[in-house]
Amino acid sequence: MLKNSKVLFLVLFGLLFITCNQKDKSKVDKESILKGSMDITVDETLVPIVEDQVLIFESTYDAKIAIKPKSEAELINDLLNQKATVAFTARDLTKEEREVFNKKKIAPRVTPVATDAIAFISNKDNNDTLIALKTVINLMQGKPEASIKGLVFDNPNSSTVRYLKTLAGTKDIPKEGVFSFKTNEEVIKFVSENKGMVGVVGVNWLSQPSPKMKDFVAKVNVLSVKGLTSNKFVAPTQNNIAEGTYPLARDLYIINCQGYSGLGIGFASFVGGDIGQRIVLKSGLLPIRVPGRKLNVRSEIINEKE
């Protein structure tokens, strides 16, 4: 009887394994680099540019992409735990993270696609539109600054927090003077209604605000920043990012861990290609490859009056 039970268990397990494999194979068969559906996990600070890319990609190809906004820490954990297979991030994988994938026999495809910036914002009623990066670092280190009531982030696990903690050389957020919400939208709204607070957001939320955010963005100043090794205050404009003068620029990546030729490859190629790079350029961010322009050169000038 015990022997028969073991045989039955093995048969059922085998059928379950075959069924799961068939489901996975079915998904792969239905999906190609330009066809099918997938989820993409997106750093919450980068949602606007990804929405623009997905809109054009879906209108061009037989594809459906669902955007899943998350904090950077959540996004990376989902990739490592295989809860997500494609992600749009504000940093590359670390050596340790790549080793985790290697142990799982997964070779992530990492595609650099753009450069954006972290921006500081303040209420329009604040007369000062300048801020020194040293002032922000002091706040991150728990040192009070009389000129700022508080520093406001989107999420304690966000890429902006990680970036500034690294600059400040600190592992933890101070208990006083630093606050966090959940999204960049909440930060912009809060700063637009509270004088003396400085918000920390992805610059794309300001260069291309959604219809519901336009009124709030109109009520904030985007601050020019003095870097740690410069005496000049520089605004987070596309030109300054391109020239490397703005001190808080960062590269953006698409990380694909699908393991097969699916939409992850197609979408990354699209964003890194001519059309995708033009969308990046129009958004106010800096493309990895500046799209070329076609010029029609005529050998003679035609007089239109003739």
Protein backbone atom coordinates (compact mmCIF):
# COMPACT_ATOMS: atom_id res chain seq x y z
CA MET A 1 0.00 0.00 0.00
CA LEU A 2 2.84 2.38 0.93
CA LYS A 3 4.61 1.55 -2.33
CA ASN A 4 1.47 2.32 -4.33
CA SER A 5 1.10 5.68 -2.51
CA LYS A 6 4.65 6.63 -3.44
CA VAL A 7 4.03 5.75 -7.07
CA LEU A 8 0.82 7.80 -7.08
CA PHE A 9 2.63 10.76 -5.52
CA LEU A 10 5.40 10.62 -8.15
CA VAL A 11 2.84 10.44 -10.95
CA LEU A 12 0.91 13.45 -9.61
CA PHE A 13 4.13 15.43 -9.10
CA GLY A 14 5.21 14.63 -12.63
CA LEU A 15 1.89 15.78 -14.05
CA LEU A 16 2.09 19.02 -12.04
CA PHE A 17 5.64 19.64 -13.27
CA ILE A 18 4.63 19.04 -16.89
CA THR A 19 1.61 21.33 -16.53
CA CYS A 20 3.74 24.16 -15.12
CA ASN A 21 6.28 23.76 -17.88
CA GLN A 22 3.53 23.79 -20.48
CA LYS A 23 2.18 27.06 -19.00
CA ASP A 24 5.66 28.63 -19.09
CA LYS A 25 6.22 27.36 -22.63
CA SER A 26 2.81 28.67 -23.66
CA LYS A 27 3.71 32.15 -22.38
CA VAL A 28 6.99 32.11 -24.29
CA ASP A 29 5.27 30.89 -27.46
CA LYS A 30 2.68 33.70 -27.27
CA GLU A 31 5.32 36.36 -26.61
CA SER A 32 7.98 37.68 -28.95
CA ILE A 33 10.18 40.78 -28.82
CA LEU A 34 7.35 42.85 -30.34
CA LYS A 35 4.23 40.93 -29.39
CA GLY A 36 2.51 39.78 -26.21
CA SER A 37 2.20 41.17 -22.70
CA MET A 38 4.45 41.70 -19.70
CA ASP A 39 4.83 43.65 -16.47
CA ILE A 40 7.65 46.15 -16.00
CA THR A 41 8.62 47.17 -12.48
CA VAL A 42 9.56 50.85 -12.45
CA ASP A 43 11.46 53.03 -10.00
CA GLU A 44 8.72 55.39 -8.80
CA THR A 45 10.89 58.43 -9.49
CA LEU A 46 10.99 57.49 -13.20
CA VAL A 47 7.32 56.76 -13.92
CA PRO A 48 6.61 59.69 -16.33
CA ILE A 49 9.33 58.78 -18.86
CA VAL A 50 8.36 55.10 -18.77
CA GLU A 51 4.69 55.98 -19.33
CA ASP A 52 5.70 57.96 -22.44
CA GLN A 53 7.77 55.08 -23.79
CA VAL A 54 5.10 52.45 -23.13
CA LEU A 55 2.39 54.57 -24.77
CA ILE A 56 4.28 54.81 -28.07
CA PHE A 57 5.53 51.21 -27.94
CA GLU A 58 2.00 49.84 -27.46
CA SER A 59 0.62 52.03 -30.23
CA THR A 60 3.32 50.76 -32.60
CA TYR A 61 3.36 47.04 -31.82
CA ASP A 62 0.90 44.31 -30.79
CA ALA A 63 2.03 44.56 -27.17
CA LYS A 64 0.66 45.35 -23.74
CA ILE A 65 2.95 46.48 -20.92
CA ALA A 66 1.70 47.00 -17.35
CA ILE A 67 3.74 49.50 -15.31
CA LYS A 68 4.31 48.54 -11.65
CA PRO A 69 5.79 51.53 -9.72
CA LYS A 70 7.88 50.61 -6.66
CA SER A 71 10.68 51.97 -4.52
CA GLU A 72 14.20 51.07 -5.61
CA ALA A 73 14.72 48.65 -2.71
CA GLU A 74 11.46 46.82 -3.48
CA LEU A 75 12.28 46.73 -7.19
CA ILE A 76 15.71 45.17 -6.71
CA ASN A 77 14.35 42.63 -4.20
CA ASP A 78 11.65 41.61 -6.67
CA LEU A 79 14.28 41.01 -9.35
CA LEU A 80 16.49 38.98 -7.03
CA ASN A 81 13.52 36.88 -5.85
CA GLN A 82 12.24 36.47 -9.43
CA LYS A 83 8.95 38.21 -8.61
CA ALA A 84 9.81 40.61 -11.44
CA THR A 85 11.72 39.93 -14.65
CA VAL A 86 12.01 43.38 -16.28
CA ALA A 87 12.73 46.64 -14.44
CA PHE A 88 13.44 50.31 -15.21
CA THR A 89 15.95 51.54 -12.65
CA ALA A 90 18.14 54.48 -11.65
CA ARG A 91 21.21 52.29 -11.12
CA ASP A 92 23.01 49.25 -12.48
CA LEU A 93 23.21 45.96 -10.59
CA THR A 94 25.98 45.67 -8.01
CA LYS A 95 28.64 42.96 -8.10
CA GLU A 96 26.91 41.15 -5.22
CA GLU A 97 23.54 41.24 -6.99
CA ARG A 98 25.06 39.86 -10.18
CA GLU A 99 26.53 36.98 -8.17
CA VAL A 100 23.04 36.13 -6.88
CA PHE A 101 21.81 35.90 -10.47
CA ASN A 102 24.84 33.84 -11.50
CA LYS A 103 24.05 31.29 -8.81
CA LYS A 104 20.54 31.01 -10.23
CA LYS A 105 21.95 30.57 -13.77
CA ILE A 106 20.36 33.87 -14.85
CA ALA A 107 22.24 36.33 -17.06
CA PRO A 108 20.59 39.77 -16.74
CA ARG A 109 20.64 42.02 -19.80
CA VAL A 110 21.36 45.59 -18.64
CA THR A 111 20.68 48.37 -21.15
CA PRO A 112 21.62 52.01 -20.36
CA VAL A 113 18.89 54.21 -21.87
CA ALA A 114 19.11 57.77 -20.48
CA THR A 115 20.49 60.18 -17.90
CA ASP A 116 18.20 62.09 -15.57
CA ALA A 117 18.73 64.07 -12.38
CA ILE A 118 17.56 64.42 -8.82
CA ALA A 119 15.96 67.83 -8.30
CA PHE A 120 15.33 69.93 -5.18
CA ILE A 121 12.10 71.94 -5.03
CA SER A 122 10.71 74.57 -2.67
CA ASN A 123 7.49 76.51 -2.25
CA LYS A 124 6.98 79.46 -4.62
CA ASP A 125 6.71 81.77 -1.59
CA ASN A 126 10.35 81.05 -0.75
CA ASN A 127 12.44 83.90 -2.12
CA ASP A 128 15.63 81.86 -2.31
CA THR A 129 15.90 79.58 -5.36
CA LEU A 130 19.44 78.39 -4.59
CA ILE A 131 20.67 75.55 -2.42
CA ALA A 132 24.11 74.18 -1.60
CA LEU A 133 24.53 70.41 -1.76
CA LYS A 134 26.55 70.67 1.46
CA THR A 135 23.41 71.95 3.22
CA VAL A 136 21.48 68.87 2.12
CA ILE A 137 24.30 66.57 3.19
CA ASN A 138 24.36 68.22 6.62
CA LEU A 139 20.64 67.46 7.02
CA MET A 140 21.21 63.86 5.93
CA GLN A 141 23.91 63.60 8.60
CA GLY A 142 21.53 64.88 11.27
CA LYS A 143 22.98 68.38 11.46
CA PRO A 144 20.25 71.05 11.62
CA GLU A 145 20.18 73.83 8.99
CA ALA A 146 18.34 77.05 9.91
CA SER A 147 17.50 77.85 6.29
CA ILE A 148 15.46 74.64 5.79
CA LYS A 149 12.59 73.37 7.93
CA GLY A 150 12.85 69.87 6.51
CA LEU A 151 13.88 67.63 3.64
CA VAL A 152 11.04 65.63 2.05
CA PHE A 153 11.51 62.36 0.13
CA ASP A 154 9.05 60.15 -1.70
CA ASN A 155 9.91 56.93 0.13
CA PRO A 156 12.53 55.86 2.70
CA ASN A 157 13.52 53.01 0.34
CA SER A 158 13.68 55.15 -2.80
CA SER A 159 16.59 55.70 -5.17
CA THR A 160 16.78 59.37 -4.17
CA VAL A 161 17.28 58.45 -0.50
CA ARG A 162 19.91 55.85 -1.42
CA TYR A 163 21.72 58.38 -3.64
CA LEU A 164 21.90 61.11 -0.97
CA LYS A 165 22.76 58.67 1.84
CA THR A 166 25.72 57.54 -0.26
CA LEU A 167 26.81 61.16 -0.80
CA ALA A 168 26.45 61.89 2.92
CA GLY A 169 28.24 58.69 3.93
CA THR A 170 25.42 57.63 6.24
CA LYS A 171 23.47 54.39 6.51
CA ASP A 172 20.34 55.70 8.21
CA ILE A 173 17.92 58.58 7.74
CA PRO A 174 18.02 61.11 10.62
CA LYS A 175 15.05 61.03 12.98
CA GLU A 176 14.61 64.79 12.73
CA GLY A 177 14.55 67.12 9.75
CA VAL A 178 13.95 64.43 7.11
CA PHE A 179 10.48 63.21 6.13
CA SER A 180 9.06 60.78 3.58
CA PHE A 181 5.78 59.95 1.86
CA LYS A 182 5.15 57.24 -0.73
CA THR A 183 5.30 58.95 -4.12
CA ASN A 184 6.85 61.92 -5.93
CA GLU A 185 3.34 63.29 -6.48
CA GLU A 186 2.81 63.52 -2.71
CA VAL A 187 6.15 65.28 -2.25
CA ILE A 188 5.38 67.91 -4.91
CA LYS A 189 1.90 68.51 -3.50
CA PHE A 190 3.22 68.83 0.08
CA VAL A 191 5.99 71.28 -0.83
CA SER A 192 3.59 73.37 -2.94
CA GLU A 193 1.48 73.85 0.21
CA ASN A 194 4.21 74.23 2.86
CA LYS A 195 6.74 77.04 2.95
CA GLY A 196 10.26 76.25 4.13
CA MET A 197 10.28 72.58 3.09
CA VAL A 198 12.61 71.22 0.39
CA GLY A 199 11.39 68.29 -1.69
CA VAL A 200 13.58 65.70 -3.40
CA VAL A 201 12.13 64.33 -6.66
CA GLY A 202 13.06 62.90 -10.04
CA VAL A 203 13.41 65.80 -12.48
CA ASN A 204 11.09 64.15 -15.03
CA TRP A 205 8.14 64.73 -12.67
CA LEU A 206 8.80 68.46 -13.15
CA SER A 207 9.72 68.62 -16.84
CA GLN A 208 6.63 66.67 -17.92
CA PRO A 209 3.97 66.92 -15.19
CA SER A 210 0.74 65.01 -15.64
CA PRO A 211 -2.49 67.06 -16.03
CA LYS A 212 -3.43 66.48 -12.39
CA MET A 213 0.04 67.65 -11.22
CA LYS A 214 0.44 70.79 -13.37
CA ASP A 215 -1.14 73.13 -10.83
CA PHE A 216 1.04 71.80 -8.00
CA VAL A 217 4.24 71.96 -10.10
CA ALA A 218 3.38 75.59 -10.96
CA LYS A 219 3.51 76.38 -7.23
CA VAL A 220 7.08 75.17 -6.65
CA ASN A 221 10.53 76.45 -7.55
CA VAL A 222 13.13 74.12 -9.00
CA LEU A 223 16.30 75.00 -7.13
CA SER A 224 19.73 75.57 -8.62
CA VAL A 225 22.38 73.54 -6.80
CA LYS A 226 25.96 74.33 -5.83
CA GLY A 227 28.03 71.15 -5.90
CA LEU A 228 30.65 70.11 -3.36
CA THR A 229 33.57 71.14 -5.59
CA SER A 230 32.07 74.17 -7.34
CA ASN A 231 31.11 77.75 -6.51
CA LYS A 232 28.47 77.94 -9.24
CA PHE A 233 24.77 77.24 -8.77
CA VAL A 234 23.46 75.05 -11.58
CA ALA A 235 19.86 74.23 -12.53
CA PRO A 236 18.85 70.64 -13.49
CA THR A 237 18.30 71.48 -17.17
CA GLN A 238 18.84 69.10 -20.06
CA ASN A 239 21.79 71.17 -21.27
CA ASN A 240 23.48 71.22 -17.86
CA ILE A 241 23.00 67.47 -17.48
CA ALA A 242 24.57 66.97 -20.92
CA GLU A 243 27.55 69.20 -20.06
CA GLY A 244 28.06 67.39 -16.76
CA THR A 245 27.77 70.57 -14.70
CA TYR A 246 24.71 69.57 -12.67
CA PRO A 247 25.98 67.62 -9.62
CA LEU A 248 23.05 65.23 -9.15
CA ALA A 249 22.78 63.47 -12.50
CA ARG A 250 22.33 59.68 -12.68
CA ASP A 251 22.11 57.06 -15.42
CA LEU A 252 18.96 55.03 -16.08
CA TYR A 253 18.81 51.36 -17.06
CA ILE A 254 16.44 48.64 -18.21
CA ILE A 255 17.30 45.34 -16.51
CA ASN A 256 15.91 42.24 -18.25
CA CYS A 257 15.96 38.87 -16.47
CA GLN A 258 13.36 37.10 -18.64
CA GLY A 259 15.84 34.54 -19.94
CA TYR A 260 14.24 34.31 -23.37
CA SER A 261 13.60 36.50 -26.41
CA GLY A 262 10.51 38.26 -25.14
CA LEU A 263 9.10 41.76 -24.82
CA GLY A 264 11.86 42.71 -22.39
CA ILE A 265 14.40 42.62 -25.22
CA GLY A 266 12.05 44.36 -27.65
CA PHE A 267 11.16 47.17 -25.24
CA ALA A 268 14.79 47.80 -24.24
CA SER A 269 15.79 47.93 -27.92
CA PHE A 270 12.94 50.35 -28.60
CA VAL A 271 13.86 52.71 -25.73
CA GLY A 272 17.54 52.57 -26.71
CA GLY A 273 16.73 53.05 -30.40
CA ASP A 274 15.98 56.15 -32.46
CA ILE A 275 12.30 56.58 -31.52
CA GLY A 276 12.83 55.85 -27.83
CA GLN A 277 15.78 58.22 -27.63
CA ARG A 278 13.72 60.98 -29.25
CA ILE A 279 11.07 60.44 -26.56
CA VAL A 280 13.80 60.79 -23.91
CA LEU A 281 15.04 63.99 -25.56
CA LYS A 282 11.55 65.48 -25.69
CA SER A 283 10.94 64.62 -22.03
CA GLY A 284 13.77 66.87 -20.87
CA LEU A 285 16.11 64.04 -19.94
CA LEU A 286 19.38 63.23 -21.70
CA PRO A 287 19.42 60.36 -24.23
CA ILE A 288 22.30 57.89 -24.15
CA ARG A 289 22.57 58.41 -27.91
CA VAL A 290 21.42 61.78 -29.25
CA PRO A 291 19.14 61.10 -32.25
CA GLY A 292 20.48 62.37 -35.56
CA ARG A 293 18.74 64.87 -37.82
CA LYS A 294 18.19 64.42 -41.54
CA LEU A 295 18.93 67.56 -43.55
CA ASN A 296 17.87 68.12 -47.15
CA VAL A 297 20.68 69.96 -48.91
CA ARG A 298 19.79 71.72 -52.17
CA SER A 299 22.35 72.66 -54.78
CA GLU A 300 20.56 75.91 -55.63
CA ILE A 301 18.19 78.39 -54.03
CA ILE A 302 14.77 78.53 -55.61
CA ASN A 303 13.08 81.89 -55.81
CA GLU A 304 9.49 81.19 -54.72
CA LYS A 305 8.26 84.39 -56.38
CA GLU A 306 9.23 83.12 -59.83
